[in-house]
Amino acid sequence: MSVVINECTIEDIHTLQEISYNTFYETFSHMNSEKNMKTYLEKAFNTKRLEKEVLTPFSKFYFLYWDEKLAGYLKINVNEAQTEEMGKEALEIERIYINKEFQKKGLGKFLLNKGIELAKDQGKKNVWLGVWENNLGAIQFYQKMGFVKTGAHSFYMGDEQQTDFIMMKTIE
């Protein structure tokens, strides 16, 4: 097995849009209405919005390839790009997704470790993320990786308000 993680650029925008849309839909469509999924996907992953996110200072996207096939991606934010005010000593993992066909191969761990490595390289003391309260597999994974629940915030899936747990890990 060969795993490679590369930073995304603006030239990757259509590939980023495709994997973002597909992985989010695979992960959450069975737990949400089709209408709310459609509304969210069109808003969150349209080309204009993704271009803005890729070009945002203090945000970065990374693709994960498994045996040269695009398997997943990671989005991190620091400083004022974070979606919640967590201060200059924190790095946010905003998105971490693996295509369904590549799940259960340990690839999520590669992306999570990449986020932690980036935090250490930047002298950050904490890594945090938001995870939907009903995504029990992800919550268990993050707990196993040393993250603890520190709070919660609202997330809107179309017209439905949902709750994301905020989970944090202190790094050395």
N, C-alpha and C. Protein backbone atom coordinates (compact mmCIF):
# COMPACT_ATOMS: atom_id res chain seq x y z
N MET A 1 0.84 -1.18 0.00
CA MET A 1 0.00 0.00 0.00
C MET A 1 0.88 1.24 0.00
N SER A 2 0.59 2.13 -0.91
CA SER A 2 1.31 3.39 -1.01
C SER A 2 0.35 4.53 -0.70
N VAL A 3 0.70 5.35 0.30
CA VAL A 3 -0.13 6.51 0.68
C VAL A 3 0.68 7.77 0.42
N VAL A 4 0.06 8.71 -0.30
CA VAL A 4 0.69 10.00 -0.60
C VAL A 4 -0.33 11.08 -0.26
N ILE A 5 0.13 12.14 0.40
CA ILE A 5 -0.72 13.29 0.72
C ILE A 5 -0.11 14.52 0.05
N ASN A 6 -0.91 15.17 -0.80
CA ASN A 6 -0.47 16.36 -1.52
C ASN A 6 -1.39 17.54 -1.23
N GLU A 7 -0.80 18.73 -1.14
CA GLU A 7 -1.60 19.94 -0.96
C GLU A 7 -2.37 20.25 -2.23
N CYS A 8 -3.62 20.68 -2.09
CA CYS A 8 -4.46 21.08 -3.22
C CYS A 8 -4.14 22.51 -3.62
N THR A 9 -4.32 22.81 -4.87
CA THR A 9 -4.17 24.17 -5.38
C THR A 9 -5.45 24.54 -6.12
N ILE A 10 -5.52 25.77 -6.56
CA ILE A 10 -6.69 26.25 -7.30
C ILE A 10 -6.91 25.42 -8.57
N GLU A 11 -5.85 24.87 -9.13
CA GLU A 11 -5.98 24.03 -10.32
C GLU A 11 -6.72 22.73 -10.03
N ASP A 12 -6.82 22.35 -8.76
CA ASP A 12 -7.49 21.11 -8.35
C ASP A 12 -8.96 21.32 -8.02
N ILE A 13 -9.51 22.50 -8.30
CA ILE A 13 -10.82 22.86 -7.79
C ILE A 13 -11.93 21.89 -8.21
N HIS A 14 -11.91 21.42 -9.43
CA HIS A 14 -12.98 20.51 -9.88
C HIS A 14 -12.85 19.13 -9.24
N THR A 15 -11.64 18.68 -9.04
CA THR A 15 -11.42 17.42 -8.33
C THR A 15 -11.84 17.56 -6.87
N LEU A 16 -11.51 18.69 -6.26
CA LEU A 16 -11.91 18.96 -4.89
C LEU A 16 -13.44 18.99 -4.77
N GLN A 17 -14.08 19.64 -5.73
CA GLN A 17 -15.54 19.71 -5.70
C GLN A 17 -16.15 18.31 -5.80
N GLU A 18 -15.64 17.49 -6.69
CA GLU A 18 -16.17 16.14 -6.87
C GLU A 18 -16.00 15.28 -5.62
N ILE A 19 -14.80 15.28 -5.05
CA ILE A 19 -14.59 14.44 -3.86
C ILE A 19 -15.35 15.00 -2.65
N SER A 20 -15.46 16.31 -2.53
CA SER A 20 -16.21 16.92 -1.42
C SER A 20 -17.67 16.50 -1.49
N TYR A 21 -18.24 16.68 -2.66
CA TYR A 21 -19.65 16.34 -2.87
C TYR A 21 -19.88 14.86 -2.61
N ASN A 22 -19.08 14.01 -3.24
CA ASN A 22 -19.29 12.56 -3.14
C ASN A 22 -19.11 12.03 -1.73
N THR A 23 -18.05 12.44 -1.04
CA THR A 23 -17.81 11.89 0.29
C THR A 23 -18.84 12.38 1.30
N PHE A 24 -19.26 13.64 1.18
CA PHE A 24 -20.28 14.14 2.09
C PHE A 24 -21.59 13.40 1.86
N TYR A 25 -21.95 13.23 0.60
CA TYR A 25 -23.20 12.53 0.27
C TYR A 25 -23.14 11.07 0.76
N GLU A 26 -22.05 10.39 0.50
CA GLU A 26 -21.90 8.99 0.96
C GLU A 26 -22.03 8.89 2.48
N THR A 27 -21.47 9.85 3.17
CA THR A 27 -21.42 9.80 4.64
C THR A 27 -22.76 10.12 5.28
N PHE A 28 -23.49 11.10 4.75
CA PHE A 28 -24.64 11.62 5.47
C PHE A 28 -25.99 11.50 4.78
N SER A 29 -26.06 11.07 3.54
CA SER A 29 -27.35 11.07 2.83
C SER A 29 -28.37 10.14 3.46
N HIS A 30 -27.93 9.04 4.03
CA HIS A 30 -28.88 8.09 4.62
C HIS A 30 -29.46 8.58 5.95
N MET A 31 -28.92 9.68 6.50
CA MET A 31 -29.39 10.19 7.78
C MET A 31 -30.06 11.57 7.66
N ASN A 32 -30.23 12.05 6.42
CA ASN A 32 -30.81 13.37 6.19
C ASN A 32 -31.77 13.31 5.00
N SER A 33 -32.69 14.26 4.95
CA SER A 33 -33.63 14.30 3.83
C SER A 33 -32.89 14.66 2.55
N GLU A 34 -33.42 14.18 1.44
CA GLU A 34 -32.83 14.47 0.13
C GLU A 34 -32.83 15.98 -0.13
N LYS A 35 -33.90 16.66 0.27
CA LYS A 35 -33.99 18.11 0.08
C LYS A 35 -32.89 18.84 0.84
N ASN A 36 -32.70 18.50 2.11
CA ASN A 36 -31.66 19.16 2.90
C ASN A 36 -30.26 18.83 2.38
N MET A 37 -30.06 17.60 1.94
CA MET A 37 -28.75 17.23 1.36
C MET A 37 -28.48 18.08 0.12
N LYS A 38 -29.45 18.15 -0.76
CA LYS A 38 -29.28 18.90 -2.01
C LYS A 38 -28.97 20.37 -1.72
N THR A 39 -29.73 20.97 -0.80
CA THR A 39 -29.51 22.37 -0.43
C THR A 39 -28.11 22.58 0.12
N TYR A 40 -27.69 21.70 1.03
CA TYR A 40 -26.37 21.84 1.64
C TYR A 40 -25.26 21.65 0.60
N LEU A 41 -25.35 20.60 -0.20
CA LEU A 41 -24.30 20.30 -1.17
C LEU A 41 -24.12 21.44 -2.17
N GLU A 42 -25.24 22.00 -2.64
CA GLU A 42 -25.15 23.11 -3.60
C GLU A 42 -24.53 24.35 -2.98
N LYS A 43 -24.80 24.57 -1.70
CA LYS A 43 -24.25 25.75 -1.02
C LYS A 43 -22.78 25.54 -0.64
N ALA A 44 -22.47 24.41 -0.04
CA ALA A 44 -21.13 24.18 0.52
C ALA A 44 -20.07 23.86 -0.52
N PHE A 45 -20.47 23.22 -1.62
CA PHE A 45 -19.46 22.70 -2.54
C PHE A 45 -19.59 23.25 -3.96
N ASN A 46 -20.17 24.45 -4.09
CA ASN A 46 -20.18 25.04 -5.43
C ASN A 46 -18.78 25.58 -5.74
N THR A 47 -18.47 25.70 -7.00
CA THR A 47 -17.12 26.06 -7.43
C THR A 47 -16.66 27.39 -6.85
N LYS A 48 -17.53 28.38 -6.87
CA LYS A 48 -17.16 29.72 -6.38
C LYS A 48 -16.77 29.66 -4.90
N ARG A 49 -17.56 28.95 -4.10
CA ARG A 49 -17.25 28.86 -2.66
C ARG A 49 -15.95 28.09 -2.42
N LEU A 50 -15.77 26.98 -3.13
CA LEU A 50 -14.53 26.21 -2.95
C LEU A 50 -13.31 27.01 -3.39
N GLU A 51 -13.42 27.77 -4.47
CA GLU A 51 -12.30 28.62 -4.90
C GLU A 51 -11.94 29.60 -3.80
N LYS A 52 -12.96 30.21 -3.19
CA LYS A 52 -12.72 31.16 -2.10
C LYS A 52 -12.01 30.47 -0.93
N GLU A 53 -12.46 29.25 -0.59
CA GLU A 53 -11.86 28.52 0.52
C GLU A 53 -10.41 28.15 0.22
N VAL A 54 -10.14 27.70 -1.00
CA VAL A 54 -8.76 27.32 -1.36
C VAL A 54 -7.84 28.52 -1.31
N LEU A 55 -8.35 29.69 -1.67
CA LEU A 55 -7.53 30.90 -1.71
C LEU A 55 -7.49 31.65 -0.37
N THR A 56 -8.23 31.18 0.63
CA THR A 56 -8.26 31.83 1.93
C THR A 56 -6.92 31.65 2.65
N PRO A 57 -6.31 32.77 3.06
CA PRO A 57 -5.10 32.64 3.87
C PRO A 57 -5.42 31.86 5.16
N PHE A 58 -4.51 31.06 5.59
CA PHE A 58 -4.63 30.26 6.82
C PHE A 58 -5.56 29.05 6.68
N SER A 59 -5.97 28.70 5.45
CA SER A 59 -6.70 27.46 5.18
C SER A 59 -5.92 26.67 4.14
N LYS A 60 -5.94 25.35 4.28
CA LYS A 60 -5.27 24.48 3.31
C LYS A 60 -6.08 23.21 3.14
N PHE A 61 -6.07 22.69 1.92
CA PHE A 61 -6.67 21.40 1.58
C PHE A 61 -5.57 20.44 1.17
N TYR A 62 -5.78 19.17 1.50
CA TYR A 62 -4.83 18.12 1.12
C TYR A 62 -5.60 16.92 0.58
N PHE A 63 -5.10 16.36 -0.53
CA PHE A 63 -5.64 15.12 -1.08
C PHE A 63 -4.82 13.95 -0.57
N LEU A 64 -5.49 12.85 -0.28
CA LEU A 64 -4.82 11.60 0.09
C LEU A 64 -5.02 10.60 -1.04
N TYR A 65 -3.90 10.06 -1.52
CA TYR A 65 -3.93 9.05 -2.57
C TYR A 65 -3.51 7.71 -1.99
N TRP A 66 -4.24 6.68 -2.34
CA TRP A 66 -3.91 5.31 -1.93
C TRP A 66 -3.65 4.54 -3.20
N ASP A 67 -2.43 4.06 -3.34
CA ASP A 67 -2.01 3.39 -4.59
C ASP A 67 -2.39 4.22 -5.81
N GLU A 68 -2.08 5.50 -5.75
CA GLU A 68 -2.27 6.48 -6.82
C GLU A 68 -3.72 6.81 -7.14
N LYS A 69 -4.66 6.35 -6.32
CA LYS A 69 -6.08 6.68 -6.51
C LYS A 69 -6.49 7.67 -5.42
N LEU A 70 -7.22 8.72 -5.82
CA LEU A 70 -7.68 9.70 -4.85
C LEU A 70 -8.67 9.03 -3.90
N ALA A 71 -8.32 9.01 -2.64
CA ALA A 71 -9.12 8.28 -1.65
C ALA A 71 -9.82 9.19 -0.64
N GLY A 72 -9.29 10.40 -0.42
CA GLY A 72 -9.88 11.27 0.58
C GLY A 72 -9.24 12.63 0.59
N TYR A 73 -9.70 13.46 1.52
CA TYR A 73 -9.12 14.80 1.62
C TYR A 73 -9.27 15.35 3.04
N LEU A 74 -8.51 16.39 3.28
CA LEU A 74 -8.42 17.06 4.58
C LEU A 74 -8.47 18.56 4.33
N LYS A 75 -9.17 19.29 5.21
CA LYS A 75 -9.11 20.76 5.20
C LYS A 75 -8.75 21.21 6.60
N ILE A 76 -7.75 22.07 6.70
CA ILE A 76 -7.35 22.62 7.99
C ILE A 76 -7.47 24.14 7.95
N ASN A 77 -7.67 24.73 9.13
CA ASN A 77 -7.74 26.18 9.29
C ASN A 77 -6.95 26.58 10.53
N VAL A 78 -6.28 27.72 10.45
CA VAL A 78 -5.61 28.30 11.61
C VAL A 78 -5.98 29.78 11.68
N ASN A 79 -5.62 30.36 12.82
CA ASN A 79 -5.82 31.79 13.05
C ASN A 79 -7.26 32.21 12.72
N GLU A 80 -7.46 33.30 12.01
CA GLU A 80 -8.81 33.80 11.77
C GLU A 80 -9.62 32.97 10.77
N ALA A 81 -9.02 31.98 10.13
CA ALA A 81 -9.76 31.12 9.22
C ALA A 81 -10.57 30.04 9.96
N GLN A 82 -10.32 29.86 11.25
CA GLN A 82 -11.06 28.86 12.01
C GLN A 82 -12.54 29.21 12.04
N THR A 83 -13.39 28.19 12.06
CA THR A 83 -14.83 28.41 12.05
C THR A 83 -15.37 28.78 13.42
N GLU A 84 -14.59 28.60 14.46
CA GLU A 84 -14.90 29.05 15.81
C GLU A 84 -13.66 29.76 16.35
N GLU A 85 -13.84 30.72 17.22
CA GLU A 85 -12.70 31.44 17.81
C GLU A 85 -12.02 30.52 18.83
N MET A 86 -10.87 30.01 18.44
CA MET A 86 -10.12 29.11 19.32
C MET A 86 -8.72 29.64 19.61
N GLY A 87 -8.39 30.80 19.05
CA GLY A 87 -7.12 31.42 19.34
C GLY A 87 -6.00 30.99 18.41
N LYS A 88 -4.88 31.66 18.57
CA LYS A 88 -3.73 31.45 17.69
C LYS A 88 -2.97 30.16 17.99
N GLU A 89 -3.26 29.51 19.13
CA GLU A 89 -2.54 28.28 19.49
C GLU A 89 -3.27 27.02 19.02
N ALA A 90 -4.34 27.21 18.21
CA ALA A 90 -5.15 26.06 17.77
C ALA A 90 -5.15 25.91 16.25
N LEU A 91 -5.29 24.68 15.82
CA LEU A 91 -5.49 24.34 14.41
C LEU A 91 -6.80 23.57 14.34
N GLU A 92 -7.65 23.95 13.40
CA GLU A 92 -8.92 23.28 13.19
C GLU A 92 -8.83 22.30 12.03
N ILE A 93 -9.31 21.10 12.24
CA ILE A 93 -9.54 20.16 11.15
C ILE A 93 -11.02 20.34 10.80
N GLU A 94 -11.28 21.08 9.72
CA GLU A 94 -12.67 21.38 9.36
C GLU A 94 -13.30 20.22 8.60
N ARG A 95 -12.53 19.57 7.75
CA ARG A 95 -13.07 18.44 6.97
C ARG A 95 -12.03 17.34 6.90
N ILE A 96 -12.52 16.12 7.09
CA ILE A 96 -11.67 14.94 6.92
C ILE A 96 -12.60 13.84 6.40
N TYR A 97 -12.45 13.51 5.13
CA TYR A 97 -13.35 12.56 4.48
C TYR A 97 -12.57 11.55 3.66
N ILE A 98 -13.06 10.31 3.69
CA ILE A 98 -12.50 9.21 2.90
C ILE A 98 -13.63 8.65 2.04
N ASN A 99 -13.36 8.45 0.74
CA ASN A 99 -14.34 7.79 -0.12
C ASN A 99 -14.71 6.44 0.45
N LYS A 100 -15.98 6.08 0.33
CA LYS A 100 -16.50 4.85 0.92
C LYS A 100 -15.67 3.62 0.53
N GLU A 101 -15.27 3.53 -0.73
CA GLU A 101 -14.53 2.34 -1.18
C GLU A 101 -13.15 2.21 -0.52
N PHE A 102 -12.67 3.28 0.09
CA PHE A 102 -11.35 3.26 0.74
C PHE A 102 -11.43 3.26 2.26
N GLN A 103 -12.63 3.24 2.80
CA GLN A 103 -12.78 3.25 4.25
C GLN A 103 -12.38 1.91 4.85
N LYS A 104 -12.08 1.93 6.13
CA LYS A 104 -11.66 0.75 6.90
C LYS A 104 -10.28 0.25 6.48
N LYS A 105 -9.46 1.15 5.96
CA LYS A 105 -8.08 0.83 5.57
C LYS A 105 -7.07 1.64 6.39
N GLY A 106 -7.55 2.40 7.38
CA GLY A 106 -6.68 3.21 8.21
C GLY A 106 -6.29 4.54 7.60
N LEU A 107 -6.96 4.94 6.51
CA LEU A 107 -6.56 6.16 5.82
C LEU A 107 -6.97 7.43 6.56
N GLY A 108 -8.07 7.37 7.31
CA GLY A 108 -8.47 8.52 8.12
C GLY A 108 -7.38 8.89 9.11
N LYS A 109 -6.71 7.88 9.62
CA LYS A 109 -5.61 8.11 10.57
C LYS A 109 -4.47 8.88 9.91
N PHE A 110 -4.19 8.58 8.64
CA PHE A 110 -3.14 9.32 7.91
C PHE A 110 -3.50 10.80 7.83
N LEU A 111 -4.77 11.10 7.49
CA LEU A 111 -5.18 12.49 7.37
C LEU A 111 -5.19 13.19 8.73
N LEU A 112 -5.68 12.51 9.75
CA LEU A 112 -5.69 13.10 11.08
C LEU A 112 -4.26 13.39 11.55
N ASN A 113 -3.37 12.44 11.33
CA ASN A 113 -1.97 12.63 11.71
C ASN A 113 -1.32 13.76 10.90
N LYS A 114 -1.73 13.93 9.66
CA LYS A 114 -1.23 15.05 8.84
C LYS A 114 -1.64 16.38 9.49
N GLY A 115 -2.89 16.46 9.92
CA GLY A 115 -3.35 17.67 10.60
C GLY A 115 -2.56 17.95 11.87
N ILE A 116 -2.30 16.91 12.65
CA ILE A 116 -1.53 17.06 13.89
C ILE A 116 -0.09 17.47 13.58
N GLU A 117 0.48 16.87 12.56
CA GLU A 117 1.85 17.22 12.13
C GLU A 117 1.91 18.69 11.70
N LEU A 118 0.92 19.15 10.95
CA LEU A 118 0.88 20.56 10.52
C LEU A 118 0.76 21.49 11.73
N ALA A 119 -0.03 21.08 12.70
CA ALA A 119 -0.17 21.89 13.93
C ALA A 119 1.17 21.99 14.66
N LYS A 120 1.85 20.86 14.79
CA LYS A 120 3.16 20.87 15.47
C LYS A 120 4.15 21.74 14.71
N ASP A 121 4.17 21.62 13.37
CA ASP A 121 5.09 22.42 12.55
C ASP A 121 4.86 23.92 12.73
N GLN A 122 3.61 24.30 13.03
CA GLN A 122 3.26 25.71 13.20
C GLN A 122 3.28 26.14 14.66
N GLY A 123 3.74 25.26 15.54
CA GLY A 123 3.83 25.61 16.96
C GLY A 123 2.50 25.70 17.67
N LYS A 124 1.48 25.04 17.16
CA LYS A 124 0.16 25.06 17.79
C LYS A 124 0.15 24.11 18.98
N LYS A 125 -0.75 24.38 19.93
CA LYS A 125 -0.84 23.54 21.13
C LYS A 125 -2.07 22.65 21.13
N ASN A 126 -3.05 22.99 20.28
CA ASN A 126 -4.30 22.23 20.24
C ASN A 126 -4.73 21.98 18.81
N VAL A 127 -5.37 20.83 18.61
CA VAL A 127 -6.04 20.52 17.36
C VAL A 127 -7.50 20.26 17.73
N TRP A 128 -8.41 20.86 16.98
CA TRP A 128 -9.82 20.67 17.29
C TRP A 128 -10.62 20.43 16.02
N LEU A 129 -11.82 19.90 16.20
CA LEU A 129 -12.72 19.63 15.09
C LEU A 129 -14.15 19.58 15.58
N GLY A 130 -15.08 19.70 14.66
CA GLY A 130 -16.49 19.52 14.96
C GLY A 130 -16.95 18.23 14.31
N VAL A 131 -17.74 17.45 15.03
CA VAL A 131 -18.24 16.17 14.50
C VAL A 131 -19.71 16.03 14.89
N TRP A 132 -20.54 15.66 13.93
CA TRP A 132 -21.97 15.53 14.15
C TRP A 132 -22.23 14.54 15.27
N GLU A 133 -23.09 14.90 16.19
CA GLU A 133 -23.39 14.06 17.35
C GLU A 133 -23.90 12.67 16.97
N ASN A 134 -24.46 12.52 15.77
CA ASN A 134 -24.97 11.22 15.32
C ASN A 134 -23.95 10.41 14.53
N ASN A 135 -22.77 10.96 14.33
CA ASN A 135 -21.72 10.25 13.59
C ASN A 135 -20.87 9.47 14.61
N LEU A 136 -21.46 8.42 15.16
CA LEU A 136 -20.85 7.70 16.27
C LEU A 136 -19.52 7.06 15.92
N GLY A 137 -19.39 6.54 14.71
CA GLY A 137 -18.12 5.93 14.30
C GLY A 137 -16.98 6.94 14.31
N ALA A 138 -17.25 8.14 13.81
CA ALA A 138 -16.23 9.20 13.79
C ALA A 138 -15.89 9.63 15.21
N ILE A 139 -16.91 9.77 16.06
CA ILE A 139 -16.66 10.18 17.45
C ILE A 139 -15.75 9.16 18.14
N GLN A 140 -16.05 7.87 17.96
CA GLN A 140 -15.21 6.83 18.56
C GLN A 140 -13.79 6.87 18.02
N PHE A 141 -13.64 7.10 16.72
CA PHE A 141 -12.32 7.21 16.10
C PHE A 141 -11.54 8.37 16.72
N TYR A 142 -12.16 9.53 16.83
CA TYR A 142 -11.47 10.69 17.39
C TYR A 142 -11.10 10.47 18.85
N GLN A 143 -11.99 9.84 19.60
CA GLN A 143 -11.68 9.53 21.00
C GLN A 143 -10.48 8.59 21.09
N LYS A 144 -10.46 7.60 20.23
CA LYS A 144 -9.33 6.65 20.20
C LYS A 144 -8.02 7.37 19.86
N MET A 145 -8.13 8.44 19.10
CA MET A 145 -6.95 9.22 18.69
C MET A 145 -6.60 10.32 19.71
N GLY A 146 -7.29 10.32 20.85
CA GLY A 146 -6.92 11.24 21.92
C GLY A 146 -7.71 12.53 21.99
N PHE A 147 -8.76 12.66 21.22
CA PHE A 147 -9.60 13.85 21.26
C PHE A 147 -10.66 13.70 22.35
N VAL A 148 -10.98 14.81 23.00
CA VAL A 148 -12.03 14.81 24.03
C VAL A 148 -13.06 15.88 23.68
N LYS A 149 -14.30 15.61 24.05
CA LYS A 149 -15.38 16.56 23.81
C LYS A 149 -15.21 17.75 24.75
N THR A 150 -15.22 18.95 24.17
CA THR A 150 -15.05 20.17 24.97
C THR A 150 -16.23 21.13 24.83
N GLY A 151 -17.16 20.83 23.93
CA GLY A 151 -18.30 21.72 23.72
C GLY A 151 -19.14 21.26 22.56
N ALA A 152 -19.97 22.17 22.06
CA ALA A 152 -20.85 21.86 20.93
C ALA A 152 -21.20 23.17 20.21
N HIS A 153 -21.59 23.03 18.95
CA HIS A 153 -22.10 24.18 18.21
C HIS A 153 -23.14 23.70 17.19
N SER A 154 -23.91 24.63 16.67
CA SER A 154 -24.95 24.29 15.70
C SER A 154 -24.36 24.17 14.31
N PHE A 155 -24.95 23.27 13.54
CA PHE A 155 -24.61 23.04 12.15
C PHE A 155 -25.93 22.95 11.41
N TYR A 156 -26.04 23.62 10.27
CA TYR A 156 -27.30 23.59 9.53
C TYR A 156 -27.17 22.73 8.29
N MET A 157 -28.05 21.72 8.23
CA MET A 157 -28.17 20.85 7.06
C MET A 157 -29.47 21.26 6.38
N GLY A 158 -29.36 22.14 5.39
CA GLY A 158 -30.57 22.71 4.80
C GLY A 158 -31.30 23.51 5.85
N ASP A 159 -32.56 23.16 6.11
CA ASP A 159 -33.34 23.90 7.10
C ASP A 159 -33.34 23.23 8.47
N GLU A 160 -32.54 22.18 8.64
CA GLU A 160 -32.50 21.45 9.91
C GLU A 160 -31.27 21.84 10.73
N GLN A 161 -31.53 22.28 11.96
CA GLN A 161 -30.43 22.58 12.87
C GLN A 161 -29.96 21.28 13.52
N GLN A 162 -28.66 21.02 13.42
CA GLN A 162 -28.07 19.83 14.02
C GLN A 162 -26.98 20.27 15.00
N THR A 163 -26.51 19.34 15.81
CA THR A 163 -25.48 19.66 16.79
C THR A 163 -24.19 18.94 16.46
N ASP A 164 -23.12 19.69 16.38
CA ASP A 164 -21.77 19.14 16.24
C ASP A 164 -21.08 19.22 17.59
N PHE A 165 -20.46 18.12 18.01
CA PHE A 165 -19.61 18.16 19.19
C PHE A 165 -18.28 18.78 18.80
N ILE A 166 -17.74 19.61 19.64
CA ILE A 166 -16.39 20.12 19.45
C ILE A 166 -15.47 19.20 20.25
N MET A 167 -14.48 18.65 19.55
CA MET A 167 -13.53 17.75 20.18
C MET A 167 -12.13 18.32 20.01
N MET A 168 -11.31 18.18 21.03
CA MET A 168 -9.98 18.80 21.02
C MET A 168 -8.93 17.82 21.52
N LYS A 169 -7.74 18.00 20.99
CA LYS A 169 -6.58 17.23 21.44
C LYS A 169 -5.45 18.21 21.71
N THR A 170 -4.84 18.09 22.86
CA THR A 170 -3.66 18.89 23.19
C THR A 170 -2.44 18.15 22.66
N ILE A 171 -1.57 18.87 21.99
CA ILE A 171 -0.36 18.24 21.43
C ILE A 171 0.88 18.83 22.08
N GLU A 172 1.96 18.07 22.02
CA GLU A 172 3.23 18.54 22.57
C GLU A 172 4.19 18.85 21.48
